[in-house]
C-alpha atoms as a PDB file:
ATOM      1  CA  MET A   1      24.919  14.328 -65.477  1.00  0.00           C
ATOM      2  CA  ASP A   2      26.694  11.248 -64.146  1.00  0.00           C
ATOM      3  CA  LYS A   3      27.318  13.368 -60.493  1.00  0.00           C
ATOM      4  CA  VAL A   4      23.277  14.064 -60.437  1.00  0.00           C
ATOM      5  CA  LYS A   5      22.675  10.334 -61.293  1.00  0.00           C
ATOM      6  CA  ASN A   6      24.821   9.125 -58.604  1.00  0.00           C
ATOM      7  CA  SER A   7      23.337  11.388 -56.057  1.00  0.00           C
ATOM      8  CA  ARG A   8      19.919  10.218 -56.953  1.00  0.00           C
ATOM      9  CA  ASN A   9      21.383   6.562 -56.479  1.00  0.00           C
ATOM     10  CA  ARG A  10      22.229   7.237 -53.041  1.00  0.00           C
ATOM     11  CA  LEU A  11      19.318   9.156 -52.024  1.00  0.00           C
ATOM     12  CA  THR A  12      16.924   6.349 -53.238  1.00  0.00           C
ATOM     13  CA  PRO A  13      17.876   3.672 -50.321  1.00  0.00           C
ATOM     14  CA  LEU A  14      17.657   6.642 -47.805  1.00  0.00           C
ATOM     15  CA  LEU A  15      14.071   7.748 -48.716  1.00  0.00           C
ATOM     16  CA  VAL A  16      13.023   4.061 -48.988  1.00  0.00           C
ATOM     17  CA  GLY A  17      14.218   3.271 -45.384  1.00  0.00           C
ATOM     18  CA  ILE A  18      12.529   6.662 -44.275  1.00  0.00           C
ATOM     19  CA  LEU A  19       9.333   5.514 -45.912  1.00  0.00           C
ATOM     20  CA  ILE A  20       9.760   1.779 -44.495  1.00  0.00           C
ATOM     21  CA  GLY A  21      10.263   3.672 -40.909  1.00  0.00           C
ATOM     22  CA  LEU A  22       7.128   5.779 -41.205  1.00  0.00           C
ATOM     23  CA  ILE A  23       5.053   2.939 -42.112  1.00  0.00           C
ATOM     24  CA  TRP A  24       6.020   0.780 -39.140  1.00  0.00           C
ATOM     25  CA  LEU A  25       5.524   3.878 -37.020  1.00  0.00           C
ATOM     26  CA  LEU A  26       2.212   4.287 -38.562  1.00  0.00           C
ATOM     27  CA  ILE A  27       1.356   0.571 -37.874  1.00  0.00           C
ATOM     28  CA  PHE A  28       2.816   0.914 -34.222  1.00  0.00           C
ATOM     29  CA  LEU A  29       0.488   3.654 -33.435  1.00  0.00           C
ATOM     30  CA  ILE A  30      -2.603   1.943 -34.647  1.00  0.00           C
ATOM     31  CA  ILE A  31      -1.872  -1.347 -32.896  1.00  0.00           C
ATOM     32  CA  TYR A  32      -1.344   0.882 -29.583  1.00  0.00           C
ATOM     33  CA  LYS A  33      -4.534   2.639 -30.042  1.00  0.00           C
ATOM     34  CA  VAL A  34      -6.521  -0.739 -30.584  1.00  0.00           C
ATOM     35  CA  LEU A  35      -4.793  -2.215 -27.417  1.00  0.00           C
ATOM     36  CA  ARG A  36      -5.475   0.895 -25.509  1.00  0.00           C
ATOM     37  CA  ASN A  37      -9.070   1.451 -26.352  1.00  0.00           C
ATOM     38  CA  ASN A  38      -9.583  -2.515 -25.519  1.00  0.00           C
ATOM     39  CA  SER A  39      -8.075  -1.826 -22.260  1.00  0.00           C
ATOM     40  CA  LEU A  40      -9.994   0.814 -21.530  1.00  0.00           C
ATOM     41  CA  LYS A  41     -13.326  -0.946 -22.187  1.00  0.00           C
ATOM     42  CA  ASN A  42     -12.498  -3.107 -19.339  1.00  0.00           C
ATOM     43  CA  VAL A  43     -11.960  -0.237 -16.893  1.00  0.00           C
ATOM     44  CA  LYS A  44     -15.043   1.222 -15.133  1.00  0.00           C
ATOM     45  CA  LYS A  45     -14.702   4.395 -13.255  1.00  0.00           C
ATOM     46  CA  LEU A  46     -16.127   4.355 -10.041  1.00  0.00           C
ATOM     47  CA  LYS A  47     -18.170   7.294  -7.936  1.00  0.00           C
ATOM     48  CA  LEU A  48     -15.977   8.112  -4.763  1.00  0.00           C
ATOM     49  CA  ASP A  49     -18.931   8.139  -2.753  1.00  0.00           C
ATOM     50  CA  ASP A  50     -20.062   4.539  -3.773  1.00  0.00           C
ATOM     51  CA  ASP A  51     -20.892   2.848  -0.475  1.00  0.00           C
ATOM     52  CA  LEU A  52     -18.537  -0.246  -1.461  1.00  0.00           C
ATOM     53  CA  VAL A  53     -15.662   2.408  -2.625  1.00  0.00           C
ATOM     54  CA  GLN A  54     -16.236   4.240   0.641  1.00  0.00           C
ATOM     55  CA  GLU A  55     -15.939   0.955   2.773  1.00  0.00           C
ATOM     56  CA  LEU A  56     -13.110  -0.047   0.988  1.00  0.00           C
ATOM     57  CA  TYR A  57     -11.177   3.494   1.251  1.00  0.00           C
ATOM     58  CA  MET A  58     -11.916   3.435   5.317  1.00  0.00           C
ATOM     59  CA  GLY A  59     -10.572  -0.161   5.741  1.00  0.00           C
ATOM     60  CA  ILE A  60      -6.949   1.228   4.327  1.00  0.00           C
ATOM     61  CA  SER A  61      -5.285   2.403   7.451  1.00  0.00           C
ATOM     62  CA  ASP A  62      -3.194   5.505   7.918  1.00  0.00           C
ATOM     63  CA  ASP A  63      -0.534   2.814   9.033  1.00  0.00           C
ATOM     64  CA  ASP A  64      -1.196   1.015   5.830  1.00  0.00           C
ATOM     65  CA  ILE A  65      -0.395   4.160   3.635  1.00  0.00           C
ATOM     66  CA  LEU A  66       2.654   4.814   5.692  1.00  0.00           C
ATOM     67  CA  LEU A  67       3.875   1.434   4.568  1.00  0.00           C
ATOM     68  CA  TYR A  68       3.214   1.536   0.975  1.00  0.00           C
ATOM     69  CA  THR A  69       4.811   4.659   0.807  1.00  0.00           C
ATOM     70  CA  THR A  70       8.195   2.917   1.804  1.00  0.00           C
ATOM     71  CA  GLY A  71       8.031   0.542  -1.253  1.00  0.00           C
ATOM     72  CA  LYS A  72       6.322  -2.001  -3.250  1.00  0.00           C
ATOM     73  CA  TYR A  73       4.468  -4.638  -1.632  1.00  0.00           C
ATOM     74  CA  THR A  74       1.967  -7.319  -2.242  1.00  0.00           C
ATOM     75  CA  ASN A  75       0.605 -10.023  -0.023  1.00  0.00           C
ATOM     76  CA  SER A  76       3.518 -12.508  -0.574  1.00  0.00           C
ATOM     77  CA  ASN A  77       6.170  -9.807   0.747  1.00  0.00           C
ATOM     78  CA  LEU A  78       4.407  -7.865   3.540  1.00  0.00           C
ATOM     79  CA  PRO A  79       6.721  -7.463   6.402  1.00  0.00           C
ATOM     80  CA  VAL A  80       5.895 -10.109   9.183  1.00  0.00           C
ATOM     81  CA  ASN A  81       6.204  -7.583  11.999  1.00  0.00           C
ATOM     82  CA  TYR A  82       3.671  -5.606  10.126  1.00  0.00           C
ATOM     83  CA  ILE A  83       1.406  -8.471   9.580  1.00  0.00           C
ATOM     84  CA  PHE A  84       1.410  -8.987  13.392  1.00  0.00           C
ATOM     85  CA  LYS A  85       1.038  -5.167  14.186  1.00  0.00           C
ATOM     86  CA  ARG A  86      -2.421  -5.012  11.797  1.00  0.00           C
ATOM     87  CA  ALA A  87      -3.877  -8.153  13.227  1.00  0.00           C
ATOM     88  CA  THR A  88      -3.993  -6.826  16.583  1.00  0.00           C
ATOM     89  CA  LYS A  89      -6.088  -4.105  15.628  1.00  0.00           C
ATOM     90  CA  SER A  90      -9.090  -6.513  15.575  1.00  0.00           C
ATOM     91  CA  MET A  91      -8.053  -8.167  18.901  1.00  0.00           C
ATOM     92  CA  THR A  92      -8.681  -7.226  22.405  1.00  0.00           C
ATOM     93  CA  ILE A  93      -6.894  -8.040  25.555  1.00  0.00           C
ATOM     94  CA  GLU A  94      -9.290 -11.050  26.176  1.00  0.00           C
ATOM     95  CA  ASP A  95      -7.369 -12.453  23.134  1.00  0.00           C
ATOM     96  CA  ILE A  96      -4.035 -12.641  24.908  1.00  0.00           C
ATOM     97  CA  GLU A  97      -2.922 -14.186  28.046  1.00  0.00           C
ATOM     98  CA  PHE A  98      -1.023 -11.716  30.200  1.00  0.00           C
ATOM     99  CA  LYS A  99       0.997 -13.104  33.213  1.00  0.00           C
ATOM    100  CA  ASP A 100       3.139 -10.703  35.257  1.00  0.00           C
ATOM    101  CA  ASN A 101       4.939  -8.776  32.444  1.00  0.00           C
ATOM    102  CA  THR A 102       4.838 -11.557  29.934  1.00  0.00           C
ATOM    103  CA  PHE A 103       2.154 -12.328  27.072  1.00  0.00           C
ATOM    104  CA  LYS A 104       0.913 -15.342  24.829  1.00  0.00           C
ATOM    105  CA  ILE A 105      -1.275 -15.239  21.886  1.00  0.00           C
ATOM    106  CA  THR A 106      -2.225 -18.255  20.546  1.00  0.00           C
ATOM    107  CA  TYR A 107      -1.645 -19.507  16.988  1.00  0.00           C
ATOM    108  CA  ASP A 108      -5.173 -19.777  16.192  1.00  0.00           C
ATOM    109  CA  SER A 109      -5.919 -16.606  17.877  1.00  0.00           C
ATOM    110  CA  LEU A 110      -3.684 -14.179  15.843  1.00  0.00           C
ATOM    111  CA  ASP A 111      -4.418 -16.557  12.651  1.00  0.00           C
ATOM    112  CA  SER A 112      -8.181 -15.673  13.315  1.00  0.00           C
ATOM    113  CA  ALA A 113      -7.204 -11.967  13.418  1.00  0.00           C
ATOM    114  CA  ILE A 114      -4.883 -11.984  10.483  1.00  0.00           C
ATOM    115  CA  LYS A 115      -7.621 -13.581   8.216  1.00  0.00           C
ATOM    116  CA  THR A 116     -10.182 -10.894   9.307  1.00  0.00           C
ATOM    117  CA  VAL A 117      -7.718  -8.128   8.077  1.00  0.00           C
ATOM    118  CA  TYR A 118      -6.210  -9.887   4.784  1.00  0.00           C
ATOM    119  CA  GLY A 119      -8.893 -12.430   3.875  1.00  0.00           C
ATOM    120  CA  PRO A 120      -9.492 -16.310   4.279  1.00  0.00           C
ATOM    121  CA  ASP A 121      -6.939 -16.798   1.329  1.00  0.00           C
ATOM    122  CA  PHE A 122      -4.074 -15.178   2.835  1.00  0.00           C
ATOM    123  CA  GLU A 123      -1.060 -17.140   3.316  1.00  0.00           C
ATOM    124  CA  TYR A 124       1.755 -16.364   5.562  1.00  0.00           C
ATOM    125  CA  ASP A 125       4.657 -17.416   7.588  1.00  0.00           C
ATOM    126  CA  LEU A 126       5.483 -15.566  11.066  1.00  0.00           C
ATOM    127  CA  SER A 127       7.348 -18.470  12.415  1.00  0.00           C
ATOM    128  CA  LYS A 128      10.404 -16.197  12.200  1.00  0.00           C
ATOM    129  CA  ILE A 129       9.108 -13.062  13.857  1.00  0.00           C
ATOM    130  CA  ASP A 130      11.271 -11.680  16.231  1.00  0.00           C
ATOM    131  CA  GLY A 131      11.518  -7.965  17.411  1.00  0.00           C
ATOM    132  CA  SER A 132       9.714  -5.186  19.111  1.00  0.00           C
ATOM    133  CA  ILE A 133       6.276  -4.082  17.617  1.00  0.00           C
ATOM    134  CA  GLU A 134       3.863  -1.364  18.737  1.00  0.00           C
ATOM    135  CA  THR A 135       0.495  -2.612  18.720  1.00  0.00           C
ATOM    136  CA  TYR A 136      -3.104  -1.272  18.880  1.00  0.00           C
ATOM    137  CA  ILE A 137      -4.200  -3.312  22.083  1.00  0.00           C
ATOM    138  CA  MET A 138      -4.684  -1.042  25.156  1.00  0.00           C
ATOM    139  CA  LEU A 139      -4.070  -1.780  28.737  1.00  0.00           C
ATOM    140  CA  ASP A 140      -4.820   0.473  31.520  1.00  0.00           C
ATOM    141  CA  GLY A 141      -5.516   3.327  29.063  1.00  0.00           C
ATOM    142  CA  LYS A 142      -1.799   2.693  27.236  1.00  0.00           C
ATOM    143  CA  TYR A 143      -0.874   0.970  24.262  1.00  0.00           C
ATOM    144  CA  LEU A 144       1.275  -2.136  24.324  1.00  0.00           C
ATOM    145  CA  LEU A 145       4.690  -2.416  23.036  1.00  0.00           C
ATOM    146  CA  PHE A 146       5.651  -6.232  22.667  1.00  0.00           C
ATOM    147  CA  ASN A 147       8.837  -7.945  21.968  1.00  0.00           C
ATOM    148  CA  VAL A 148       7.659 -11.019  20.527  1.00  0.00           C
ATOM    149  CA  LYS A 149       8.669 -14.234  19.229  1.00  0.00           C
ATOM    150  CA  TYR A 150       7.302 -17.409  17.757  1.00  0.00           C
ATOM    151  CA  ASP A 151       7.390 -20.392  20.231  1.00  0.00           C
ATOM    152  CA  SER A 152       7.025 -23.622  18.210  1.00  0.00           C
ATOM    153  CA  ASN A 153       6.459 -26.025  21.234  1.00  0.00           C
ATOM    154  CA  LEU A 154       3.652 -23.796  22.523  1.00  0.00           C
ATOM    155  CA  ASN A 155       2.491 -22.948  18.662  1.00  0.00           C
ATOM    156  CA  ALA A 156       2.014 -19.546  20.309  1.00  0.00           C
ATOM    157  CA  TYR A 157       3.482 -15.909  19.813  1.00  0.00           C
ATOM    158  CA  VAL A 158       5.300 -15.037  23.310  1.00  0.00           C
ATOM    159  CA  GLY A 159       7.419 -12.566  24.578  1.00  0.00           C
ATOM    160  CA  THR A 160       7.249  -9.433  27.224  1.00  0.00           C
ATOM    161  CA  TYR A 161       5.562  -6.265  27.158  1.00  0.00           C
ATOM    162  CA  SER A 162       5.589  -2.376  28.166  1.00  0.00           C
ATOM    163  CA  LYS A 163       2.858   0.371  28.169  1.00  0.00           C
ATOM    164  CA  ILE A 164       3.602   3.492  26.176  1.00  0.00           C
ATOM    165  CA  ASP A 165       1.416   6.762  25.805  1.00  0.00           C
ATOM    166  CA  THR A 166       1.379   7.062  22.196  1.00  0.00           C
ATOM    167  CA  MET A 167       2.286   4.729  19.152  1.00  0.00           C
ATOM    168  CA  SER A 168       3.831   7.515  16.994  1.00  0.00           C
ATOM    169  CA  ASP A 169       3.861  11.247  16.464  1.00  0.00           C
ATOM    170  CA  ILE A 170       3.639  10.889  12.714  1.00  0.00           C
ATOM    171  CA  LYS A 171       0.561  11.988  11.285  1.00  0.00           C
ATOM    172  CA  LEU A 172      -1.184  11.445   7.835  1.00  0.00           C
ATOM    173  CA  LYS A 173      -4.052  13.724   5.852  1.00  0.00           C
ATOM    174  CA  ARG A 174      -5.197  11.833   2.968  1.00  0.00           C
ATOM    175  CA  GLU A 175      -8.163  11.989   0.455  1.00  0.00           C
ATOM    176  CA  LEU A 176      -9.473   9.605  -1.901  1.00  0.00           C
ATOM    177  CA  VAL A 177      -8.967  11.002  -5.291  1.00  0.00           C
ATOM    178  CA  GLN A 178      -9.863   8.194  -7.784  1.00  0.00           C
ATOM    179  CA  ALA A 179     -11.681   4.846  -7.763  1.00  0.00           C
ATOM    180  CA  TYR A 180     -12.009   2.323 -10.807  1.00  0.00           C
ATOM    181  CA  LYS A 181     -12.318  -1.240 -11.487  1.00  0.00           C
ATOM    182  CA  ASP A 182     -11.020  -3.638 -13.867  1.00  0.00           C
ATOM    183  CA  LYS A 183     -10.780  -7.238 -12.765  1.00  0.00           C
ATOM    184  CA  ASN A 184     -10.056  -5.727  -9.262  1.00  0.00           C
ATOM    185  CA  ILE A 185     -10.684  -2.368  -7.545  1.00  0.00           C
ATOM    186  CA  ASN A 186      -8.283   0.324  -7.541  1.00  0.00           C
ATOM    187  CA  LEU A 187      -8.035   3.215  -5.322  1.00  0.00           C
ATOM    188  CA  LYS A 188      -5.804   6.171  -5.663  1.00  0.00           C
ATOM    189  CA  ILE A 189      -5.161   8.184  -2.514  1.00  0.00           C
ATOM    190  CA  GLU A 190      -3.479  11.796  -2.021  1.00  0.00           C
ATOM    191  CA  TYR A 191      -1.317  12.081   1.096  1.00  0.00           C
ATOM    192  CA  THR A 192       0.638  14.375   3.289  1.00  0.00           C
ATOM    193  CA  ILE A 193       2.639  13.138   5.954  1.00  0.00           C
ATOM    194  CA  TYR A 194       3.220  15.574   8.720  1.00  0.00           C
ATOM    195  CA  LYS A 195       4.316  16.055  12.518  1.00  0.00           C
ATOM    196  CA  GLU A 196       2.789  19.107  14.817  1.00  0.00           C
ATOM    197  CA  ASN A 197       5.303  21.309  16.724  1.00  0.00           C
ATOM    198  CA  GLY A 198       3.461  24.577  16.721  1.00  0.00           C
ATOM    199  CA  LYS A 199       3.261  24.535  12.987  1.00  0.00           C
ATOM    200  CA  TYR A 200       2.274  21.543  10.556  1.00  0.00           C
ATOM    201  CA  GLN A 201       5.743  20.275   9.571  1.00  0.00           C
ATOM    202  CA  ILE A 202       5.597  18.701   6.067  1.00  0.00           C
ATOM    203  CA  CYS A 203       7.652  15.368   6.171  1.00  0.00           C
ATOM    204  CA  SER A 204       9.380  14.075   2.881  1.00  0.00           C
ATOM    205  CA  ASP A 205       8.950  10.378   3.619  1.00  0.00           C
ATOM    206  CA  SER A 206       7.188   8.304   6.569  1.00  0.00           C
ATOM    207  CA  SER A 207      10.095   8.281   8.752  1.00  0.00           C
ATOM    208  CA  CYS A 208       9.930  12.170   9.001  1.00  0.00           C
ATOM    209  CA  SER A 209      13.497  12.206   8.859  1.00  0.00           C
ATOM    210  CA  LYS A 210      13.426  15.357   6.692  1.00  0.00           C
ATOM    211  CA  ILE A 211      11.012  18.126   6.980  1.00  0.00           C
ATOM    212  CA  GLU A 212      10.228  19.527   3.629  1.00  0.00           C
ATOM    213  CA  LYS A 213       8.706  22.850   4.915  1.00  0.00           C
ATOM    214  CA  GLU A 214       6.364  24.294   7.936  1.00  0.00           C
ATOM    215  CA  VAL A 215       2.951  25.529   7.125  1.00  0.00           C
ATOM    216  CA  ASP A 216       0.441  27.352   9.183  1.00  0.00           C
ATOM    217  CA  ASN A 217      -2.735  25.728   7.555  1.00  0.00           C
ATOM    218  CA  LEU A 218      -2.536  22.037   6.500  1.00  0.00           C
ATOM    219  CA  ASP A 219      -5.692  22.752   4.161  1.00  0.00           C
ATOM    220  CA  ASP A 220      -3.717  25.241   2.245  1.00  0.00           C
ATOM    221  CA  TYR A 221      -0.923  22.584   1.515  1.00  0.00           C
ATOM    222  CA  LYS A 222      -1.583  20.755  -1.758  1.00  0.00           C
ATOM    223  CA  SER A 223       0.295  17.535  -1.801  1.00  0.00           C
ATOM    224  CA  LYS A 224       1.556  15.956  -5.149  1.00  0.00           C
ATOM    225  CA  LYS A 225       2.105  12.538  -3.329  1.00  0.00           C
ATOM    226  CA  HIS A 226      -0.218   9.481  -4.436  1.00  0.00           C
ATOM    227  CA  VAL A 227      -0.779   5.876  -3.569  1.00  0.00           C
ATOM    228  CA  LYS A 228      -2.583   3.471  -5.616  1.00  0.00           C
ATOM    229  CA  VAL A 229      -3.816   0.317  -3.737  1.00  0.00           C
ATOM    230  CA  GLU A 230      -5.350  -2.767  -5.600  1.00  0.00           C
ATOM    231  CA  LEU A 231      -7.921  -4.713  -3.627  1.00  0.00           C
ATOM    232  CA  LYS A 232      -9.059  -8.174  -4.550  1.00  0.00           C
ATOM    233  CA  LYS A 233     -12.228 -10.252  -4.072  1.00  0.00           C
ATOM    234  CA  ALA A 234     -11.508 -13.213  -1.909  1.00  0.00           C
ATOM    235  CA  SER A 235     -13.298 -16.436  -1.712  1.00  0.00           C
ATOM    236  CA  ASP A 236     -15.671 -15.005   0.766  1.00  0.00           C
ATOM    237  CA  ASP A 237     -16.623 -12.292  -1.603  1.00  0.00           C
ATOM    238  CA  VAL A 238     -14.966  -9.447   0.183  1.00  0.00           C
ATOM    239  CA  TYR A 239     -12.167  -7.299  -0.973  1.00  0.00           C
ATOM    240  CA  TYR A 240      -8.776  -7.247   0.666  1.00  0.00           C
ATOM    241  CA  PHE A 241      -5.389  -5.984  -0.041  1.00  0.00           C
ATOM    242  CA  LYS A 242      -3.508  -7.424  -3.304  1.00  0.00           C
ATOM    243  CA  GLU A 243      -1.007  -4.912  -3.783  1.00  0.00           C
ATOM    244  CA  ASN A 244       0.102  -1.406  -3.644  1.00  0.00           C
ATOM    245  CA  LYS A 245       1.573   0.568  -7.066  1.00  0.00           C
END
């Protein structure tokens, strides 16, 4: 009889502990559901063919997506060479002073191009820029390869250049698969990185250093890779890149 009583005494704290654990679990689930429902109320799903959604999606270049696949970026840590490269997409050869095989881009000219791409509120420091950068600018039907650095005395970006036939043989197939808005607009993009060499060579990353497989028809290949891009409205009421996820 005493053994049974002692056994019950030992079980009572255990049962109480289990009951308390279950109560806390229930409370946690209720809180989680309430918070989740409240957060979903602030999220609006957008139609993929919405004019603004399509405008923002088309404003994201293939090079942007290739960069975002290499890591997490925000406006505060974008590579300075990449900022320069993207800015030149909105420039022409008239924006640059050419002499022999050298060039000069004034600070104001590049600043205007950068603000066009990243918005009037974008803050950056390209004073440490130094290296080889392929640009979108074309001269005599060829792209330019700049060896650029910042000259503080001239307050300009200067260096030498050479002409190249193509910027890269790495290609991108992409598709917008989701768009939603909370305080900002978020786009989910499905992508496939590939090269062509008789067949479509599917790359494992943006460097294409490793080929995952070869396919005859790219449309038959279903990618599982996605990138999410968040865009924030700036002071001019236009949406610009904020971060990728």
